[in-house]
Amino acid sequence: MKRVKYFFFFFILLAAAGLFFVESFLKSEPITLAQGEEKMIKLPSPVLAGEISLEEAIEKRRSVRTYKDEALTLEEVSNLLWAASGITADWGGRAAPSAGALYPLDVYLVSGEVEGLTAGIYRYLPESHALVVTVEGDRRSALHAASLLQDSVKKAPVSIALCAEYGRITPRYRDRAKRYTKIEVGHIGQNIYLQAESLGLATVAIGAFKDGAVQKVLAVEQDPLYIMPIGRKQ
């Protein structure tokens, strides 16, 4: 009976310590840039001919949570973001299908280790294939805390976060708007998986996180739907 009591007491202490760890990261305020202070960074043009076929990428695609301790290149980041939401048609069509071509999802790059890119949080601008920095500094530890301490988020050189702006799609599709947005996030997620595989990288789609905490880390009011840490294969 005493052993049960000691075990229960130890479990409570462990849970409290974990909660304190998470809260300590979430209380740290990001350095958020006001609109007009954002710095635009033009990305290299995406490479449209990969080293493996689409069929090979589909066959090899797996969810991977451990990566080499190596930075990504800006060229790799460029291709990943283009695959997620890049412009692929003269009229503005993008890499992933969207109901009514309304594109309610915004793509954020949480950068920790990218050659030629300062650590920070960036919003991807599909029309100009560029990044704008919205939060300065390495926020991977904070995102890790908001993602229920999943180590892949902390250890990956970058993560891509997909966030929904329902106001773009609700006026047309009303009560089906959220459904269509969540279908779209699946399209984008698979594109990122396959592009990562083509580049010799790996990723995993994460949906387990505290929404409000992720919003605070990213400094957004949009609904976060996916976080995808990405790194080089081990």
Foldseek 3Di string as FASTA:
>chain_A
DVVVVVVVVVVVVVVVVLVVLLVVLLPDAFAFDDPVRWDKFAADDADPDFPDDLVVLVVPQDADQDFDQAAAESNLVLNLVQLQFAADDPVRDGNFDAVVSLPQKWKKKQAAGYPPDAGAIWTADRVRSITIGGTHDRSQSNVCSQQVNRVSSNRFRMKMWIFGDLVSPCVPVPPCSVVRVVVRNVRSVVSSSSSCSRVQKHKHWGQRGHQVSVCRSNVHPTGIGTMIGMHHHD
